[in-house]
Amino acid sequence: MKNFANAEFSPEVIDLMTIALEGAVATLPEPVHSSHVTALAESILRTAGAGERDVANLQRVALLELQLAPRHG
């Protein structure tokens, strides 16, 4: 994970981010690649760091960013 060394979140926000990540990962087709999970987690951290607290919005932004990310390979 990059650029999150100084991030601080309350236990409640961590719970929201966890729910958003689990929900986003559950929508991915099998097999789920670790790079996709990492990208989703980083997006959720960034979006929550910007103040978003709605689980659906955290999940939606992460999935959109993953969909728009350049494909390598």
C-alpha atoms as a PDB file:
ATOM      1  CA  MET A   1       0.000   0.000   0.000  1.00  0.00           C
ATOM      2  CA  LYS A   2       1.295   3.400  -0.852  1.00  0.00           C
ATOM      3  CA  ASN A   3       0.927   6.809   0.769  1.00  0.00           C
ATOM      4  CA  PHE A   4      -1.073   5.651   3.786  1.00  0.00           C
ATOM      5  CA  ALA A   5       1.604   5.662   6.491  1.00  0.00           C
ATOM      6  CA  ASN A   6       0.011   8.606   8.326  1.00  0.00           C
ATOM      7  CA  ALA A   7      -3.621   7.633   7.804  1.00  0.00           C
ATOM      8  CA  GLU A   8      -5.696   7.365  10.961  1.00  0.00           C
ATOM      9  CA  PHE A   9      -9.248   6.061  11.085  1.00  0.00           C
ATOM     10  CA  SER A  10     -11.598   5.386  13.962  1.00  0.00           C
ATOM     11  CA  PRO A  11     -12.680   1.782  14.589  1.00  0.00           C
ATOM     12  CA  GLU A  12     -16.106   2.661  13.180  1.00  0.00           C
ATOM     13  CA  VAL A  13     -14.621   3.916   9.906  1.00  0.00           C
ATOM     14  CA  ILE A  14     -12.365   0.853   9.690  1.00  0.00           C
ATOM     15  CA  ASP A  15     -15.491  -1.301  10.023  1.00  0.00           C
ATOM     16  CA  LEU A  16     -17.169   0.642   7.190  1.00  0.00           C
ATOM     17  CA  MET A  17     -14.091   0.297   4.985  1.00  0.00           C
ATOM     18  CA  THR A  18     -13.911  -3.440   5.698  1.00  0.00           C
ATOM     19  CA  ILE A  19     -17.563  -3.911   4.743  1.00  0.00           C
ATOM     20  CA  ALA A  20     -17.024  -1.890   1.547  1.00  0.00           C
ATOM     21  CA  LEU A  21     -13.932  -3.911   0.609  1.00  0.00           C
ATOM     22  CA  GLU A  22     -15.600  -7.251   1.266  1.00  0.00           C
ATOM     23  CA  GLY A  23     -18.627  -6.181  -0.754  1.00  0.00           C
ATOM     24  CA  ALA A  24     -16.518  -4.947  -3.647  1.00  0.00           C
ATOM     25  CA  VAL A  25     -14.399  -8.109  -3.723  1.00  0.00           C
ATOM     26  CA  ALA A  26     -17.555 -10.244  -3.678  1.00  0.00           C
ATOM     27  CA  THR A  27     -18.652  -8.678  -6.977  1.00  0.00           C
ATOM     28  CA  LEU A  28     -15.450  -9.622  -8.812  1.00  0.00           C
ATOM     29  CA  PRO A  29     -15.413 -12.648 -11.081  1.00  0.00           C
ATOM     30  CA  GLU A  30     -13.315 -15.641 -10.060  1.00  0.00           C
ATOM     31  CA  PRO A  31     -10.406 -15.920  -9.834  1.00  0.00           C
ATOM     32  CA  VAL A  32      -9.915 -12.756  -7.798  1.00  0.00           C
ATOM     33  CA  HIS A  33      -6.373 -11.432  -8.192  1.00  0.00           C
ATOM     34  CA  SER A  34      -4.536  -9.968  -5.208  1.00  0.00           C
ATOM     35  CA  SER A  35      -3.675  -6.903  -7.297  1.00  0.00           C
ATOM     36  CA  HIS A  36      -7.391  -6.197  -7.693  1.00  0.00           C
ATOM     37  CA  VAL A  37      -7.980  -6.507  -3.949  1.00  0.00           C
ATOM     38  CA  THR A  38      -5.046  -4.162  -3.312  1.00  0.00           C
ATOM     39  CA  ALA A  39      -6.389  -1.622  -5.822  1.00  0.00           C
ATOM     40  CA  LEU A  40      -9.846  -1.750  -4.223  1.00  0.00           C
ATOM     41  CA  ALA A  41      -8.387  -1.335  -0.729  1.00  0.00           C
ATOM     42  CA  GLU A  42      -6.238   1.624  -1.775  1.00  0.00           C
ATOM     43  CA  SER A  43      -9.226   3.312  -3.402  1.00  0.00           C
ATOM     44  CA  ILE A  44     -11.357   2.788  -0.303  1.00  0.00           C
ATOM     45  CA  LEU A  45      -8.601   4.205   1.896  1.00  0.00           C
ATOM     46  CA  ARG A  46      -8.270   7.274  -0.349  1.00  0.00           C
ATOM     47  CA  THR A  47     -12.018   7.854  -0.532  1.00  0.00           C
ATOM     48  CA  ALA A  48     -12.508   7.385   3.211  1.00  0.00           C
ATOM     49  CA  GLY A  49      -9.521   9.648   3.804  1.00  0.00           C
ATOM     50  CA  ALA A  50     -11.360  12.318   1.815  1.00  0.00           C
ATOM     51  CA  GLY A  51     -14.281  12.025   4.225  1.00  0.00           C
ATOM     52  CA  GLU A  52     -16.674   9.588   2.562  1.00  0.00           C
ATOM     53  CA  ARG A  53     -18.472   7.381   5.094  1.00  0.00           C
ATOM     54  CA  ASP A  54     -21.207   5.730   3.007  1.00  0.00           C
ATOM     55  CA  VAL A  55     -20.328   2.061   2.404  1.00  0.00           C
ATOM     56  CA  ALA A  56     -22.110   1.964  -0.964  1.00  0.00           C
ATOM     57  CA  ASN A  57     -20.201   5.016  -2.174  1.00  0.00           C
ATOM     58  CA  LEU A  58     -16.859   3.629  -0.950  1.00  0.00           C
ATOM     59  CA  GLN A  59     -17.568   0.390  -2.789  1.00  0.00           C
ATOM     60  CA  ARG A  60     -18.840   2.102  -5.955  1.00  0.00           C
ATOM     61  CA  VAL A  61     -15.825   4.401  -6.274  1.00  0.00           C
ATOM     62  CA  ALA A  62     -13.408   1.508  -5.723  1.00  0.00           C
ATOM     63  CA  LEU A  63     -15.078  -0.648  -8.373  1.00  0.00           C
ATOM     64  CA  LEU A  64     -15.197   2.242 -10.845  1.00  0.00           C
ATOM     65  CA  GLU A  65     -11.508   2.993 -10.298  1.00  0.00           C
ATOM     66  CA  LEU A  66     -10.665  -0.679 -10.782  1.00  0.00           C
ATOM     67  CA  GLN A  67     -12.704  -0.781 -13.981  1.00  0.00           C
ATOM     68  CA  LEU A  68     -10.947   2.344 -15.312  1.00  0.00           C
ATOM     69  CA  ALA A  69      -7.431   1.263 -14.299  1.00  0.00           C
ATOM     70  CA  PRO A  70      -5.075   0.541 -17.180  1.00  0.00           C
ATOM     71  CA  ARG A  71      -4.625  -3.176 -17.815  1.00  0.00           C
ATOM     72  CA  HIS A  72      -1.122  -4.584 -17.728  1.00  0.00           C
ATOM     73  CA  GLY A  73      -0.167  -7.855 -19.315  1.00  0.00           C
END
